[in-house]
PDB file of N, CA and C in Angstrom:
ATOM      1  N   MET A   1      -6.823  41.595-102.254  1.00  0.00           N
ATOM      2  CA  MET A   1      -6.482  40.204-102.078  1.00  0.00           C
ATOM      3  C   MET A   1      -4.966  40.024-102.087  1.00  0.00           C
ATOM      4  N   ALA A   2      -4.262  40.774-102.921  1.00  0.00           N
ATOM      5  CA  ALA A   2      -2.810  40.657-102.998  1.00  0.00           C
ATOM      6  C   ALA A   2      -2.151  41.182-101.732  1.00  0.00           C
ATOM      7  N   ALA A   3      -2.759  42.177-101.097  1.00  0.00           N
ATOM      8  CA  ALA A   3      -2.192  42.743 -99.874  1.00  0.00           C
ATOM      9  C   ALA A   3      -2.250  41.732 -98.735  1.00  0.00           C
ATOM     10  N   LYS A   4      -3.317  40.941 -98.664  1.00  0.00           N
ATOM     11  CA  LYS A   4      -3.438  39.934 -97.614  1.00  0.00           C
ATOM     12  C   LYS A   4      -2.404  38.821 -97.784  1.00  0.00           C
ATOM     13  N   GLN A   5      -2.144  38.412 -99.022  1.00  0.00           N
ATOM     14  CA  GLN A   5      -1.175  37.351 -99.264  1.00  0.00           C
ATOM     15  C   GLN A   5       0.236  37.813 -98.921  1.00  0.00           C
ATOM     16  N   SER A   6       0.577  39.053 -99.236  1.00  0.00           N
ATOM     17  CA  SER A   6       1.920  39.527 -98.914  1.00  0.00           C
ATOM     18  C   SER A   6       2.086  39.667 -97.403  1.00  0.00           C
ATOM     19  N   HIS A   7       1.018  40.037 -96.695  1.00  0.00           N
ATOM     20  CA  HIS A   7       1.084  40.149 -95.234  1.00  0.00           C
ATOM     21  C   HIS A   7       1.303  38.774 -94.597  1.00  0.00           C
ATOM     22  N   ARG A   8       0.671  37.742 -95.148  1.00  0.00           N
ATOM     23  CA  ARG A   8       0.833  36.389 -94.623  1.00  0.00           C
ATOM     24  C   ARG A   8       2.264  35.897 -94.822  1.00  0.00           C
ATOM     25  N   SER A   9       2.871  36.161 -95.967  1.00  0.00           N
ATOM     26  CA  SER A   9       4.221  35.696 -96.217  1.00  0.00           C
ATOM     27  C   SER A   9       5.216  36.392 -95.296  1.00  0.00           C
ATOM     28  N   GLU A  10       4.938  37.627 -94.913  1.00  0.00           N
ATOM     29  CA  GLU A  10       5.834  38.331 -93.997  1.00  0.00           C
ATOM     30  C   GLU A  10       5.768  37.715 -92.596  1.00  0.00           C
ATOM     31  N   THR A  11       4.572  37.337 -92.143  1.00  0.00           N
ATOM     32  CA  THR A  11       4.454  36.803 -90.782  1.00  0.00           C
ATOM     33  C   THR A  11       4.971  35.373 -90.691  1.00  0.00           C
ATOM     34  N   THR A  12       4.857  34.581 -91.734  1.00  0.00           N
ATOM     35  CA  THR A  12       5.328  33.204 -91.655  1.00  0.00           C
ATOM     36  C   THR A  12       6.827  33.106 -91.908  1.00  0.00           C
ATOM     37  N   GLY A  13       7.424  34.093 -92.504  1.00  0.00           N
ATOM     38  CA  GLY A  13       8.839  34.037 -92.813  1.00  0.00           C
ATOM     39  C   GLY A  13       9.703  34.771 -91.809  1.00  0.00           C
ATOM     40  N   ARG A  14       9.206  35.076 -90.643  1.00  0.00           N
ATOM     41  CA  ARG A  14       9.949  35.834 -89.652  1.00  0.00           C
ATOM     42  C   ARG A  14      10.946  34.939 -88.913  1.00  0.00           C
ATOM     43  N   ILE A  15      12.167  35.440 -88.744  1.00  0.00           N
ATOM     44  CA  ILE A  15      13.205  34.708 -88.046  1.00  0.00           C
ATOM     45  C   ILE A  15      13.597  35.502 -86.812  1.00  0.00           C
ATOM     46  N   VAL A  16      13.620  34.835 -85.677  1.00  0.00           N
ATOM     47  CA  VAL A  16      13.994  35.482 -84.429  1.00  0.00           C
ATOM     48  C   VAL A  16      15.398  35.014 -84.063  1.00  0.00           C
ATOM     49  N   LEU A  17      16.313  35.943 -83.885  1.00  0.00           N
ATOM     50  CA  LEU A  17      17.688  35.608 -83.533  1.00  0.00           C
ATOM     51  C   LEU A  17      17.872  35.738 -82.025  1.00  0.00           C
ATOM     52  N   PHE A  18      18.443  34.707 -81.421  1.00  0.00           N
ATOM     53  CA  PHE A  18      18.728  34.742 -80.004  1.00  0.00           C
ATOM     54  C   PHE A  18      20.209  35.043 -79.816  1.00  0.00           C
ATOM     55  N   PRO A  19      20.561  35.776 -78.767  1.00  0.00           N
ATOM     56  CA  PRO A  19      21.982  36.059 -78.542  1.00  0.00           C
ATOM     57  C   PRO A  19      22.704  34.793 -78.103  1.00  0.00           C
ATOM     58  N   PRO A  20      23.991  34.670 -78.426  1.00  0.00           N
ATOM     59  CA  PRO A  20      24.739  33.491 -77.992  1.00  0.00           C
ATOM     60  C   PRO A  20      24.826  33.427 -76.474  1.00  0.00           C
ATOM     61  N   ARG A  21      25.014  32.259 -75.941  1.00  0.00           N
ATOM     62  CA  ARG A  21      25.022  32.075 -74.491  1.00  0.00           C
ATOM     63  C   ARG A  21      26.184  32.789 -73.822  1.00  0.00           C
ATOM     64  N   SER A  22      27.295  32.912 -74.499  1.00  0.00           N
ATOM     65  CA  SER A  22      28.443  33.558 -73.867  1.00  0.00           C
ATOM     66  C   SER A  22      28.144  35.026 -73.576  1.00  0.00           C
ATOM     67  N   SER A  23      27.335  35.677 -74.415  1.00  0.00           N
ATOM     68  CA  SER A  23      27.022  37.078 -74.161  1.00  0.00           C
ATOM     69  C   SER A  23      26.024  37.227 -73.015  1.00  0.00           C
ATOM     70  N   LEU A  24      25.246  36.181 -72.736  1.00  0.00           N
ATOM     71  CA  LEU A  24      24.310  36.246 -71.629  1.00  0.00           C
ATOM     72  C   LEU A  24      25.039  36.242 -70.286  1.00  0.00           C
ATOM     73  N   ARG A  25      26.148  35.529 -70.217  1.00  0.00           N
ATOM     74  CA  ARG A  25      26.886  35.425 -68.958  1.00  0.00           C
ATOM     75  C   ARG A  25      28.060  36.392 -68.926  1.00  0.00           C
ATOM     76  N   LYS A  26      28.107  37.323 -69.866  1.00  0.00           N
ATOM     77  CA  LYS A  26      29.134  38.365 -69.944  1.00  0.00           C
ATOM     78  C   LYS A  26      30.540  37.788 -70.022  1.00  0.00           C
ATOM     79  N   GLY A  27      30.709  36.792 -70.915  1.00  0.00           N
ATOM     80  CA  GLY A  27      32.032  36.273 -71.199  1.00  0.00           C
ATOM     81  C   GLY A  27      32.546  35.247 -70.210  1.00  0.00           C
ATOM     82  N   LYS A  28      31.779  34.860 -69.222  1.00  0.00           N
ATOM     83  CA  LYS A  28      32.241  33.861 -68.264  1.00  0.00           C
ATOM     84  C   LYS A  28      32.192  32.479 -68.898  1.00  0.00           C
ATOM     85  N   ALA A  29      33.019  31.595 -68.417  1.00  0.00           N
ATOM     86  CA  ALA A  29      33.042  30.226 -68.939  1.00  0.00           C
ATOM     87  C   ALA A  29      31.766  29.496 -68.516  1.00  0.00           C
ATOM     88  N   ARG A  30      31.342  28.559 -69.342  1.00  0.00           N
ATOM     89  CA  ARG A  30      30.115  27.816 -69.038  1.00  0.00           C
ATOM     90  C   ARG A  30      30.272  26.930 -67.818  1.00  0.00           C
ATOM     91  N   HIS A  31      31.354  26.207 -67.759  1.00  0.00           N
ATOM     92  CA  HIS A  31      31.580  25.268 -66.661  1.00  0.00           C
ATOM     93  C   HIS A  31      32.684  25.821 -65.769  1.00  0.00           C
ATOM     94  N   PRO A  32      32.613  25.583 -64.484  1.00  0.00           N
ATOM     95  CA  PRO A  32      33.623  26.138 -63.598  1.00  0.00           C
ATOM     96  C   PRO A  32      35.030  25.652 -63.928  1.00  0.00           C
ATOM     97  N   GLY A  33      35.190  24.425 -64.382  1.00  0.00           N
ATOM     98  CA  GLY A  33      36.531  23.904 -64.671  1.00  0.00           C
ATOM     99  C   GLY A  33      36.877  23.938 -66.138  1.00  0.00           C
ATOM    100  N   ALA A  34      36.223  24.793 -66.934  1.00  0.00           N
ATOM    101  CA  ALA A  34      36.433  24.789 -68.372  1.00  0.00           C
ATOM    102  C   ALA A  34      37.830  25.246 -68.744  1.00  0.00           C
ATOM    103  N   GLY A  35      38.435  26.127 -67.983  1.00  0.00           N
ATOM    104  CA  GLY A  35      39.752  26.630 -68.321  1.00  0.00           C
ATOM    105  C   GLY A  35      40.875  25.810 -67.737  1.00  0.00           C
ATOM    106  N   LYS A  36      40.588  24.825 -66.907  1.00  0.00           N
ATOM    107  CA  LYS A  36      41.610  24.029 -66.244  1.00  0.00           C
ATOM    108  C   LYS A  36      42.100  22.913 -67.142  1.00  0.00           C
ATOM    109  N   ASN A  37      43.111  22.248 -66.666  1.00  0.00           N
ATOM    110  CA  ASN A  37      43.670  21.118 -67.372  1.00  0.00           C
ATOM    111  C   ASN A  37      42.662  19.958 -67.345  1.00  0.00           C
ATOM    112  N   HIS A  38      42.379  19.365 -68.503  1.00  0.00           N
ATOM    113  CA  HIS A  38      41.388  18.291 -68.565  1.00  0.00           C
ATOM    114  C   HIS A  38      41.902  17.002 -67.940  1.00  0.00           C
ATOM    115  N   GLY A  39      43.197  16.845 -67.783  1.00  0.00           N
ATOM    116  CA  GLY A  39      43.761  15.658 -67.164  1.00  0.00           C
ATOM    117  C   GLY A  39      43.367  15.544 -65.708  1.00  0.00           C
ATOM    118  N   GLU A  40      43.216  16.670 -65.030  1.00  0.00           N
ATOM    119  CA  GLU A  40      42.814  16.652 -63.636  1.00  0.00           C
ATOM    120  C   GLU A  40      41.392  16.134 -63.478  1.00  0.00           C
ATOM    121  N   GLU A  41      40.495  16.502 -64.397  1.00  0.00           N
ATOM    122  CA  GLU A  41      39.108  16.041 -64.325  1.00  0.00           C
ATOM    123  C   GLU A  41      39.020  14.550 -64.601  1.00  0.00           C
ATOM    124  N   ARG A  42      39.817  14.068 -65.518  1.00  0.00           N
ATOM    125  CA  ARG A  42      39.781  12.649 -65.835  1.00  0.00           C
ATOM    126  C   ARG A  42      40.289  11.807 -64.677  1.00  0.00           C
ATOM    127  N   ALA A  43      41.228  12.309 -63.935  1.00  0.00           N
ATOM    128  CA  ALA A  43      41.754  11.567 -62.794  1.00  0.00           C
ATOM    129  C   ALA A  43      40.694  11.437 -61.702  1.00  0.00           C
ATOM    130  N   ALA A  44      39.791  12.402 -61.604  1.00  0.00           N
ATOM    131  CA  ALA A  44      38.747  12.359 -60.588  1.00  0.00           C
ATOM    132  C   ALA A  44      37.700  11.298 -60.897  1.00  0.00           C
ATOM    133  N   ILE A  45      37.595  10.894 -62.154  1.00  0.00           N
ATOM    134  CA  ILE A  45      36.595   9.900 -62.543  1.00  0.00           C
ATOM    135  C   ILE A  45      36.943   8.534 -61.973  1.00  0.00           C
ATOM    136  N   GLY A  46      38.192   8.187 -61.993  1.00  0.00           N
ATOM    137  CA  GLY A  46      38.593   6.887 -61.463  1.00  0.00           C
ATOM    138  C   GLY A  46      38.876   5.901 -62.574  1.00  0.00           C
ATOM    139  N   ASP A  47      39.209   4.701 -62.191  1.00  0.00           N
ATOM    140  CA  ASP A  47      39.555   3.669 -63.148  1.00  0.00           C
ATOM    141  C   ASP A  47      38.298   2.924 -63.577  1.00  0.00           C
ATOM    142  N   LEU A  48      38.109   2.775 -64.865  1.00  0.00           N
ATOM    143  CA  LEU A  48      36.918   2.102 -65.386  1.00  0.00           C
ATOM    144  C   LEU A  48      37.175   0.629 -65.698  1.00  0.00           C
ATOM    145  N   SER A  49      38.345   0.138 -65.354  1.00  0.00           N
ATOM    146  CA  SER A  49      38.665  -1.257 -65.676  1.00  0.00           C
ATOM    147  C   SER A  49      37.790  -2.243 -64.906  1.00  0.00           C
ATOM    148  N   GLU A  50      37.233  -1.830 -63.791  1.00  0.00           N
ATOM    149  CA  GLU A  50      36.372  -2.735 -63.038  1.00  0.00           C
ATOM    150  C   GLU A  50      35.063  -3.032 -63.767  1.00  0.00           C
ATOM    151  N   TYR A  51      34.696  -2.201 -64.740  1.00  0.00           N
ATOM    152  CA  TYR A  51      33.458  -2.405 -65.485  1.00  0.00           C
ATOM    153  C   TYR A  51      33.682  -3.132 -66.805  1.00  0.00           C
ATOM    154  N   GLU A  52      34.915  -3.449 -67.137  1.00  0.00           N
ATOM    155  CA  GLU A  52      35.209  -4.142 -68.377  1.00  0.00           C
ATOM    156  C   GLU A  52      34.789  -5.601 -68.274  1.00  0.00           C
ATOM    157  N   ARG A  53      34.512  -6.189 -69.433  1.00  0.00           N
ATOM    158  CA  ARG A  53      34.127  -7.598 -69.449  1.00  0.00           C
ATOM    159  C   ARG A  53      35.337  -8.473 -69.194  1.00  0.00           C
ATOM    160  N   SER A  54      35.114  -9.572 -68.552  1.00  0.00           N
ATOM    161  CA  SER A  54      36.209 -10.508 -68.276  1.00  0.00           C
ATOM    162  C   SER A  54      36.450 -11.385 -69.500  1.00  0.00           C
ATOM    163  N   ASN A  55      37.532 -12.136 -69.461  1.00  0.00           N
ATOM    164  CA  ASN A  55      37.873 -13.006 -70.586  1.00  0.00           C
ATOM    165  C   ASN A  55      37.120 -14.324 -70.549  1.00  0.00           C
ATOM    166  N   GLN A  56      36.291 -14.535 -69.538  1.00  0.00           N
ATOM    167  CA  GLN A  56      35.545 -15.773 -69.429  1.00  0.00           C
ATOM    168  C   GLN A  56      34.435 -15.812 -70.473  1.00  0.00           C
ATOM    169  N   ALA A  57      34.155 -17.005 -70.935  1.00  0.00           N
ATOM    170  CA  ALA A  57      33.091 -17.182 -71.918  1.00  0.00           C
ATOM    171  C   ALA A  57      31.727 -16.994 -71.254  1.00  0.00           C
ATOM    172  N   ASP A  58      30.764 -16.521 -72.038  1.00  0.00           N
ATOM    173  CA  ASP A  58      29.414 -16.347 -71.509  1.00  0.00           C
ATOM    174  C   ASP A  58      28.761 -17.706 -71.283  1.00  0.00           C
ATOM    175  N   ASP A  59      27.884 -17.750 -70.312  1.00  0.00           N
ATOM    176  CA  ASP A  59      27.152 -18.968 -70.005  1.00  0.00           C
ATOM    177  C   ASP A  59      25.838 -18.936 -70.792  1.00  0.00           C
ATOM    178  N   TYR A  60      25.882 -19.377 -72.057  1.00  0.00           N
ATOM    179  CA  TYR A  60      24.723 -19.273 -72.940  1.00  0.00           C
ATOM    180  C   TYR A  60      23.521 -20.095 -72.482  1.00  0.00           C
ATOM    181  N   PRO A  61      23.698 -21.313 -71.986  1.00  0.00           N
ATOM    182  CA  PRO A  61      22.512 -22.057 -71.531  1.00  0.00           C
ATOM    183  C   PRO A  61      21.784 -21.344 -70.391  1.00  0.00           C
ATOM    184  N   ARG A  62      22.547 -20.774 -69.470  1.00  0.00           N
ATOM    185  CA  ARG A  62      21.917 -20.044 -68.362  1.00  0.00           C
ATOM    186  C   ARG A  62      21.189 -18.808 -68.880  1.00  0.00           C
ATOM    187  N   ARG A  63      21.804 -18.078 -69.803  1.00  0.00           N
ATOM    188  CA  ARG A  63      21.166 -16.895 -70.383  1.00  0.00           C
ATOM    189  C   ARG A  63      19.900 -17.279 -71.133  1.00  0.00           C
ATOM    190  N   THR A  64      19.931 -18.415 -71.830  1.00  0.00           N
ATOM    191  CA  THR A  64      18.749 -18.872 -72.565  1.00  0.00           C
ATOM    192  C   THR A  64      17.609 -19.191 -71.611  1.00  0.00           C
ATOM    193  N   ILE A  65      17.925 -19.843 -70.500  1.00  0.00           N
ATOM    194  CA  ILE A  65      16.888 -20.182 -69.521  1.00  0.00           C
ATOM    195  C   ILE A  65      16.297 -18.912 -68.912  1.00  0.00           C
ATOM    196  N   ILE A  66      17.151 -17.953 -68.566  1.00  0.00           N
ATOM    197  CA  ILE A  66      16.663 -16.700 -67.983  1.00  0.00           C
ATOM    198  C   ILE A  66      15.793 -15.945 -68.985  1.00  0.00           C
ATOM    199  N   ASN A  67      16.211 -15.927 -70.250  1.00  0.00           N
ATOM    200  CA  ASN A  67      15.402 -15.264 -71.278  1.00  0.00           C
ATOM    201  C   ASN A  67      14.061 -15.952 -71.474  1.00  0.00           C
ATOM    202  N   ALA A  68      14.035 -17.289 -71.404  1.00  0.00           N
ATOM    203  CA  ALA A  68      12.775 -18.025 -71.543  1.00  0.00           C
ATOM    204  C   ALA A  68      11.839 -17.731 -70.370  1.00  0.00           C
ATOM    205  N   ILE A  69      12.407 -17.657 -69.161  1.00  0.00           N
ATOM    206  CA  ILE A  69      11.588 -17.332 -67.988  1.00  0.00           C
ATOM    207  C   ILE A  69      11.034 -15.919 -68.091  1.00  0.00           C
ATOM    208  N   ALA A  70      11.861 -14.979 -68.537  1.00  0.00           N
ATOM    209  CA  ALA A  70      11.402 -13.599 -68.699  1.00  0.00           C
ATOM    210  C   ALA A  70      10.307 -13.513 -69.760  1.00  0.00           C
ATOM    211  N   PHE A  71      10.466 -14.250 -70.859  1.00  0.00           N
ATOM    212  CA  PHE A  71       9.450 -14.254 -71.913  1.00  0.00           C
ATOM    213  C   PHE A  71       8.136 -14.828 -71.395  1.00  0.00           C
ATOM    214  N   ALA A  72       8.209 -15.922 -70.627  1.00  0.00           N
ATOM    215  CA  ALA A  72       6.991 -16.532 -70.074  1.00  0.00           C
ATOM    216  C   ALA A  72       6.298 -15.579 -69.106  1.00  0.00           C
ATOM    217  N   PHE A  73       7.066 -14.872 -68.297  1.00  0.00           N
ATOM    218  CA  PHE A  73       6.493 -13.908 -67.358  1.00  0.00           C
ATOM    219  C   PHE A  73       5.798 -12.768 -68.095  1.00  0.00           C
ATOM    220  N   ILE A  74       6.433 -12.245 -69.130  1.00  0.00           N
ATOM    221  CA  ILE A  74       5.814 -11.157 -69.908  1.00  0.00           C
ATOM    222  C   ILE A  74       4.575 -11.664 -70.632  1.00  0.00           C
ATOM    223  N   LEU A  75       4.624 -12.881 -71.140  1.00  0.00           N
ATOM    224  CA  LEU A  75       3.457 -13.470 -71.802  1.00  0.00           C
ATOM    225  C   LEU A  75       2.301 -13.625 -70.813  1.00  0.00           C
ATOM    226  N   MET A  76       2.612 -14.072 -69.585  1.00  0.00           N
ATOM    227  CA  MET A  76       1.579 -14.199 -68.558  1.00  0.00           C
ATOM    228  C   MET A  76       0.963 -12.844 -68.233  1.00  0.00           C
ATOM    229  N   LEU A  77       1.796 -11.820 -68.086  1.00  0.00           N
ATOM    230  CA  LEU A  77       1.277 -10.473 -67.809  1.00  0.00           C
ATOM    231  C   LEU A  77       0.394  -9.965 -68.949  1.00  0.00           C
ATOM    232  N   THR A  78       0.780 -10.250 -70.175  1.00  0.00           N
ATOM    233  CA  THR A  78      -0.019  -9.823 -71.326  1.00  0.00           C
ATOM    234  C   THR A  78      -1.367 -10.525 -71.344  1.00  0.00           C
ATOM    235  N   ILE A  79      -1.376 -11.814 -71.116  1.00  0.00           N
ATOM    236  CA  ILE A  79      -2.635 -12.570 -71.093  1.00  0.00           C
ATOM    237  C   ILE A  79      -3.534 -12.073 -69.970  1.00  0.00           C
ATOM    238  N   ALA A  80      -2.952 -11.830 -68.794  1.00  0.00           N
ATOM    239  CA  ALA A  80      -3.748 -11.320 -67.670  1.00  0.00           C
ATOM    240  C   ALA A  80      -4.311  -9.938 -67.991  1.00  0.00           C
ATOM    241  N   GLY A  81      -3.546  -9.094 -68.660  1.00  0.00           N
ATOM    242  CA  GLY A  81      -4.025  -7.768 -69.038  1.00  0.00           C
ATOM    243  C   GLY A  81      -5.169  -7.824 -70.036  1.00  0.00           C
ATOM    244  N   VAL A  82      -5.071  -8.714 -71.020  1.00  0.00           N
ATOM    245  CA  VAL A  82      -6.150  -8.866 -72.008  1.00  0.00           C
ATOM    246  C   VAL A  82      -7.401  -9.405 -71.333  1.00  0.00           C
ATOM    247  N   TRP A  83      -7.244 -10.397 -70.457  1.00  0.00           N
ATOM    248  CA  TRP A  83      -8.402 -10.944 -69.736  1.00  0.00           C
ATOM    249  C   TRP A  83      -9.066  -9.871 -68.881  1.00  0.00           C
ATOM    250  N   LEU A  84      -8.268  -9.068 -68.192  1.00  0.00           N
ATOM    251  CA  LEU A  84      -8.810  -8.006 -67.356  1.00  0.00           C
ATOM    252  C   LEU A  84      -9.554  -6.968 -68.190  1.00  0.00           C
ATOM    253  N   ALA A  85      -9.004  -6.597 -69.330  1.00  0.00           N
ATOM    254  CA  ALA A  85      -9.663  -5.617 -70.199  1.00  0.00           C
ATOM    255  C   ALA A  85     -10.981  -6.155 -70.732  1.00  0.00           C
ATOM    256  N   GLU A  86     -11.004  -7.435 -71.130  1.00  0.00           N
ATOM    257  CA  GLU A  86     -12.246  -8.022 -71.630  1.00  0.00           C
ATOM    258  C   GLU A  86     -13.300  -8.125 -70.530  1.00  0.00           C
ATOM    259  N   THR A  87     -12.885  -8.480 -69.325  1.00  0.00           N
ATOM    260  CA  THR A  87     -13.820  -8.568 -68.202  1.00  0.00           C
ATOM    261  C   THR A  87     -14.414  -7.201 -67.886  1.00  0.00           C
ATOM    262  N   MET A  88     -13.572  -6.183 -67.879  1.00  0.00           N
ATOM    263  CA  MET A  88     -14.069  -4.827 -67.599  1.00  0.00           C
ATOM    264  C   MET A  88     -15.020  -4.356 -68.696  1.00  0.00           C
ATOM    265  N   ALA A  89     -14.736  -4.689 -69.954  1.00  0.00           N
ATOM    266  CA  ALA A  89     -15.624  -4.303 -71.052  1.00  0.00           C
ATOM    267  C   ALA A  89     -16.968  -5.007 -70.936  1.00  0.00           C
ATOM    268  N   MET A  90     -16.957  -6.299 -70.553  1.00  0.00           N
ATOM    269  CA  MET A  90     -18.209  -7.036 -70.389  1.00  0.00           C
ATOM    270  C   MET A  90     -19.030  -6.463 -69.227  1.00  0.00           C
ATOM    271  N   LEU A  91     -18.372  -6.131 -68.121  1.00  0.00           N
ATOM    272  CA  LEU A  91     -19.087  -5.538 -66.991  1.00  0.00           C
ATOM    273  C   LEU A  91     -19.687  -4.183 -67.351  1.00  0.00           C
ATOM    274  N   GLN A  92     -18.948  -3.391 -68.112  1.00  0.00           N
ATOM    275  CA  GLN A  92     -19.469  -2.083 -68.533  1.00  0.00           C
ATOM    276  C   GLN A  92     -20.669  -2.248 -69.466  1.00  0.00           C
ATOM    277  N   LYS A  93     -20.585  -3.230 -70.347  1.00  0.00           N
ATOM    278  CA  LYS A  93     -21.707  -3.487 -71.262  1.00  0.00           C
ATOM    279  C   LYS A  93     -22.955  -3.900 -70.484  1.00  0.00           C
ATOM    280  N   ASN A  94     -22.784  -4.782 -69.514  1.00  0.00           N
ATOM    281  CA  ASN A  94     -23.923  -5.222 -68.701  1.00  0.00           C
ATOM    282  C   ASN A  94     -24.473  -4.079 -67.852  1.00  0.00           C
ATOM    283  N   GLN A  95     -23.604  -3.250 -67.319  1.00  0.00           N
ATOM    284  CA  GLN A  95     -24.057  -2.120 -66.516  1.00  0.00           C
ATOM    285  C   GLN A  95     -24.816  -1.107 -67.381  1.00  0.00           C
ATOM    286  N   ASP A  96     -24.337  -0.839 -68.580  1.00  0.00           N
ATOM    287  CA  ASP A  96     -25.046   0.068 -69.480  1.00  0.00           C
ATOM    288  C   ASP A  96     -26.414  -0.485 -69.857  1.00  0.00           C
ATOM    289  N   CYS A  97     -26.470  -1.784 -70.079  1.00  0.00           N
ATOM    290  CA  CYS A  97     -27.744  -2.423 -70.419  1.00  0.00           C
ATOM    291  C   CYS A  97     -28.726  -2.296 -69.267  1.00  0.00           C
ATOM    292  N   THR A  98     -28.263  -2.567 -68.047  1.00  0.00           N
ATOM    293  CA  THR A  98     -29.137  -2.503 -66.868  1.00  0.00           C
ATOM    294  C   THR A  98     -29.592  -1.077 -66.596  1.00  0.00           C
ATOM    295  N   LEU A  99     -28.674  -0.117 -66.704  1.00  0.00           N
ATOM    296  CA  LEU A  99     -29.015   1.277 -66.417  1.00  0.00           C
ATOM    297  C   LEU A  99     -29.940   1.887 -67.468  1.00  0.00           C
ATOM    298  N   SER A 100     -30.004   1.277 -68.654  1.00  0.00           N
ATOM    299  CA  SER A 100     -30.922   1.791 -69.673  1.00  0.00           C
ATOM    300  C   SER A 100     -32.342   1.265 -69.470  1.00  0.00           C
ATOM    301  N   GLY A 101     -32.527   0.370 -68.504  1.00  0.00           N
ATOM    302  CA  GLY A 101     -33.864  -0.097 -68.165  1.00  0.00           C
ATOM    303  C   GLY A 101     -34.249  -1.395 -68.829  1.00  0.00           C
ATOM    304  N   ARG A 102     -33.346  -2.037 -69.502  1.00  0.00           N
ATOM    305  CA  ARG A 102     -33.692  -3.291 -70.168  1.00  0.00           C
ATOM    306  C   ARG A 102     -33.622  -4.458 -69.190  1.00  0.00           C
ATOM    307  N   ARG A 103     -34.269  -5.534 -69.581  1.00  0.00           N
ATOM    308  CA  ARG A 103     -34.230  -6.755 -68.780  1.00  0.00           C
ATOM    309  C   ARG A 103     -33.451  -7.812 -69.544  1.00  0.00           C
ATOM    310  N   ASN A 104     -33.091  -8.857 -68.851  1.00  0.00           N
ATOM    311  CA  ASN A 104     -32.347  -9.973 -69.438  1.00  0.00           C
ATOM    312  C   ASN A 104     -31.007  -9.524 -70.039  1.00  0.00           C
ATOM    313  N   CYS A 105     -30.298  -8.710 -69.316  1.00  0.00           N
ATOM    314  CA  CYS A 105     -29.005  -8.223 -69.798  1.00  0.00           C
ATOM    315  C   CYS A 105     -27.886  -9.242 -69.595  1.00  0.00           C
ATOM    316  N   MET A 106     -27.969 -10.005 -68.528  1.00  0.00           N
ATOM    317  CA  MET A 106     -26.909 -10.961 -68.203  1.00  0.00           C
ATOM    318  C   MET A 106     -27.181 -12.289 -68.893  1.00  0.00           C
ATOM    319  N   ASP A 107     -26.108 -12.897 -69.387  1.00  0.00           N
ATOM    320  CA  ASP A 107     -26.224 -14.238 -69.947  1.00  0.00           C
ATOM    321  C   ASP A 107     -26.146 -15.225 -68.790  1.00  0.00           C
ATOM    322  N   ILE A 108     -27.214 -15.977 -68.608  1.00  0.00           N
ATOM    323  CA  ILE A 108     -27.249 -16.952 -67.523  1.00  0.00           C
ATOM    324  C   ILE A 108     -27.123 -18.335 -68.159  1.00  0.00           C
ATOM    325  N   GLY A 109     -26.111 -19.031 -67.755  1.00  0.00           N
ATOM    326  CA  GLY A 109     -25.888 -20.372 -68.290  1.00  0.00           C
ATOM    327  C   GLY A 109     -26.641 -21.395 -67.460  1.00  0.00           C
ATOM    328  N   ALA A 110     -27.915 -21.535 -67.727  1.00  0.00           N
ATOM    329  CA  ALA A 110     -28.734 -22.479 -66.955  1.00  0.00           C
ATOM    330  C   ALA A 110     -28.585 -23.868 -67.553  1.00  0.00           C
ATOM    331  N   GLU A 111     -28.406 -24.824 -66.684  1.00  0.00           N
ATOM    332  CA  GLU A 111     -28.288 -26.194 -67.137  1.00  0.00           C
ATOM    333  C   GLU A 111     -29.684 -26.792 -67.305  1.00  0.00           C
ATOM    334  N   VAL A 112     -29.854 -27.535 -68.357  1.00  0.00           N
ATOM    335  CA  VAL A 112     -31.134 -28.181 -68.622  1.00  0.00           C
ATOM    336  C   VAL A 112     -31.070 -29.581 -68.002  1.00  0.00           C
ATOM    337  N   ARG A 113     -32.047 -29.837 -67.146  1.00  0.00           N
ATOM    338  CA  ARG A 113     -32.095 -31.157 -66.493  1.00  0.00           C
ATOM    339  C   ARG A 113     -32.915 -32.131 -67.336  1.00  0.00           C
ATOM    340  N   ASP A 114     -32.400 -33.291 -67.463  1.00  0.00           N
ATOM    341  CA  ASP A 114     -33.134 -34.352 -68.163  1.00  0.00           C
ATOM    342  C   ASP A 114     -33.903 -35.146 -67.109  1.00  0.00           C
ATOM    343  N   ARG A 115     -35.178 -35.377 -67.356  1.00  0.00           N
ATOM    344  CA  ARG A 115     -35.987 -36.129 -66.413  1.00  0.00           C
ATOM    345  C   ARG A 115     -36.191 -37.516 -66.843  1.00  0.00           C
TER     346      ARG A 115
END
């Protein structure tokens, strides 16, 4: 019993060492421009000032209206999804009832006439 426990601890405690990536490529640089001046690469990116925010104030009422419309749209999609799931579940229940050979599976809302 002791031999089995020591064998288990040896297999679970095994560490596999992988060689570093630089030795896989025989000392070559990872990126083609790794040894070059980094200022040249930054100049190729371009000016990012066009993406900065302007000094104008945000239009909060417009943002609020857009957020309300987005919320209403998502709420509508959620309600439609729940309705669709319930309809599919009801159809599956009725189909299972019919395929099992039972009668009176469907709920029929018959109106009672007063004479």
